[in-house]
Protein backbone atom coordinates (compact mmCIF):
# COMPACT_ATOMS: atom_id res chain seq x y z
CA UNK A 1 -113.58 47.66 21.32
CA UNK A 2 -109.97 48.39 20.32
CA UNK A 3 -108.71 45.19 21.94
CA UNK A 4 -110.91 42.89 19.86
CA UNK A 5 -108.88 43.17 16.62
CA UNK A 6 -105.46 42.36 18.20
CA UNK A 7 -107.01 39.52 20.19
CA UNK A 8 -108.57 38.09 17.03
CA UNK A 9 -105.23 38.29 15.18
CA UNK A 10 -103.46 36.43 18.00
CA UNK A 11 -106.15 33.74 18.15
CA UNK A 12 -106.18 33.17 14.38
CA UNK A 13 -102.39 33.06 14.25
CA UNK A 14 -102.41 30.02 16.56
CA UNK A 15 -104.57 27.90 14.26
CA UNK A 16 -101.72 25.86 12.81
CA UNK A 17 -99.64 25.48 15.98
CA UNK A 18 -98.36 21.94 16.46
CA UNK A 19 -98.71 19.87 19.60
CA UNK A 20 -95.79 19.81 22.06
CA UNK A 21 -94.22 16.72 20.49
CA UNK A 22 -93.98 18.53 17.13
CA UNK A 23 -92.57 21.94 18.17
CA UNK A 24 -89.69 22.98 15.98
CA UNK A 25 -90.59 20.57 13.17
CA UNK A 26 -91.12 22.34 9.84
CA UNK A 27 -94.49 21.46 8.28
CA UNK A 28 -94.97 19.96 4.85
CA UNK A 29 -98.02 21.45 3.16
CA UNK A 30 -100.13 18.84 1.33
CA UNK A 31 -103.45 19.37 -0.45
CA UNK A 32 -105.82 16.42 -0.83
CA UNK A 33 -109.20 17.08 -2.39
CA UNK A 34 -110.70 20.15 -0.77
CA UNK A 35 -108.50 19.95 2.34
CA UNK A 36 -105.05 21.45 2.90
CA UNK A 37 -102.91 20.09 5.72
CA UNK A 38 -99.69 21.05 7.46
CA UNK A 39 -98.07 17.67 8.16
CA UNK A 40 -95.30 17.23 10.74
CA UNK A 41 -93.46 13.96 11.30
CA UNK A 42 -91.36 12.85 14.28
CA UNK A 43 -90.12 9.27 14.08
CA UNK A 44 -93.11 6.97 13.53
CA UNK A 45 -95.64 9.59 14.65
CA UNK A 46 -97.27 12.24 12.45
CA UNK A 47 -99.61 15.16 12.95
CA UNK A 48 -101.80 16.74 10.26
CA UNK A 49 -103.44 20.09 10.96
CA UNK A 50 -106.14 21.14 8.51
CA UNK A 51 -105.42 24.77 7.64
CA UNK A 52 -108.17 25.58 5.16
CA UNK A 53 -111.73 26.57 5.92
CA UNK A 54 -114.48 24.03 5.41
CA UNK A 55 -118.02 24.34 6.60
CA UNK A 56 -118.75 21.81 9.39
CA UNK A 57 -116.65 18.88 8.18
CA UNK A 58 -117.00 15.55 9.97
CA UNK A 59 -114.01 13.60 11.17
CA UNK A 60 -115.14 10.64 9.06
CA UNK A 61 -114.89 12.74 5.88
CA UNK A 62 -111.61 14.49 6.79
CA UNK A 63 -109.78 11.36 8.07
CA UNK A 64 -109.20 9.68 4.66
CA UNK A 65 -107.84 12.96 3.26
CA UNK A 66 -105.60 13.40 6.33
CA UNK A 67 -104.33 9.82 5.96
CA UNK A 68 -103.55 10.48 2.30
CA UNK A 69 -101.72 13.71 3.18
CA UNK A 70 -99.67 12.00 5.90
CA UNK A 71 -98.86 9.10 3.54
CA UNK A 72 -97.72 11.57 0.87
CA UNK A 73 -95.51 13.50 3.31
CA UNK A 74 -93.98 10.40 4.91
CA UNK A 75 -94.15 7.69 2.25
CA UNK A 76 -95.41 5.33 4.99
CA UNK A 77 -98.68 3.50 5.55
CA UNK A 78 -101.12 5.15 7.93
CA UNK A 79 -103.11 2.36 9.61
CA UNK A 80 -104.39 4.31 12.63
CA UNK A 81 -105.52 7.90 13.16
CA UNK A 82 -106.94 9.73 16.15
CA UNK A 83 -108.08 13.30 16.67
CA UNK A 84 -110.80 15.54 15.34
CA UNK A 85 -111.59 17.27 12.07
CA UNK A 86 -108.99 20.02 12.64
CA UNK A 87 -105.99 18.11 14.03
CA UNK A 88 -105.30 14.45 13.40
CA UNK A 89 -102.37 12.39 14.65
CA UNK A 90 -101.24 9.08 13.22
CA UNK A 91 -99.05 6.09 13.85
CA UNK A 92 -96.85 5.30 10.84
CA UNK A 93 -95.75 1.94 9.49
CA UNK A 94 -92.75 2.42 7.25
CA UNK A 95 -91.34 -0.32 5.08
CA UNK A 96 -88.29 -0.41 2.81
CA UNK A 97 -90.22 1.26 -0.03
CA UNK A 98 -91.28 4.27 2.07
CA UNK A 99 -88.97 6.68 0.23
CA UNK A 100 -90.40 5.60 -3.11
CA UNK A 101 -93.91 6.53 -1.95
CA UNK A 102 -92.93 9.94 -0.50
CA UNK A 103 -94.73 12.76 -2.28
CA UNK A 104 -97.40 10.44 -3.74
CA UNK A 105 -100.93 11.02 -2.50
CA UNK A 106 -102.46 7.59 -1.94
CA UNK A 107 -106.25 7.49 -1.36
CA UNK A 108 -107.22 5.82 1.92
CA UNK A 109 -110.40 4.24 3.21
CA UNK A 110 -111.02 4.83 6.92
CA UNK A 111 -113.60 3.55 9.37
CA UNK A 112 -114.36 4.69 12.90
CA UNK A 113 -113.11 2.47 15.72
CA UNK A 114 -115.25 2.37 18.87
CA UNK A 115 -113.42 3.89 21.82
CA UNK A 116 -114.17 5.39 25.21
CA UNK A 117 -111.66 8.15 24.69
CA UNK A 118 -112.54 11.74 24.00
CA UNK A 119 -111.07 11.65 20.50
CA UNK A 120 -112.24 9.71 17.48
CA UNK A 121 -110.02 6.83 16.36
CA UNK A 122 -109.98 5.66 12.78
CA UNK A 123 -108.58 2.51 11.17
CA UNK A 124 -107.33 3.22 7.64
CA UNK A 125 -105.81 1.39 4.72
CA UNK A 126 -104.73 2.61 1.28
CA UNK A 127 -106.91 1.79 -1.69
CA UNK A 128 -105.42 -0.68 -4.15
CA UNK A 129 -104.00 1.17 -7.13
CA UNK A 130 -105.13 0.55 -10.63
């Protein structure tokens, strides 16, 4: 019984660990709606790990918030996401105005893309402002 508490602490401490491609990259914490993400960016590839607790979220409801968080952290467009409701990775498309958009949460609309892979893929685009 004594070993359960230390084991639980170790397991919970690993909840926000990045994938191998993102080791050593400091996360940017971004809150969008009811979700809080640790976003890490390497080149044109980003990873968002949801670090808050939500009861049984679906990937389809978390993906637009993750895209918005990644767009805010990077300033880039986020046209494609893949992953699950806890960890989502994205391909980034950065234009000349990417720095101007950094730090600005831009709402995204995402739809599921049929795939035979184990992970869900989503196609996203930012909502038109104003």
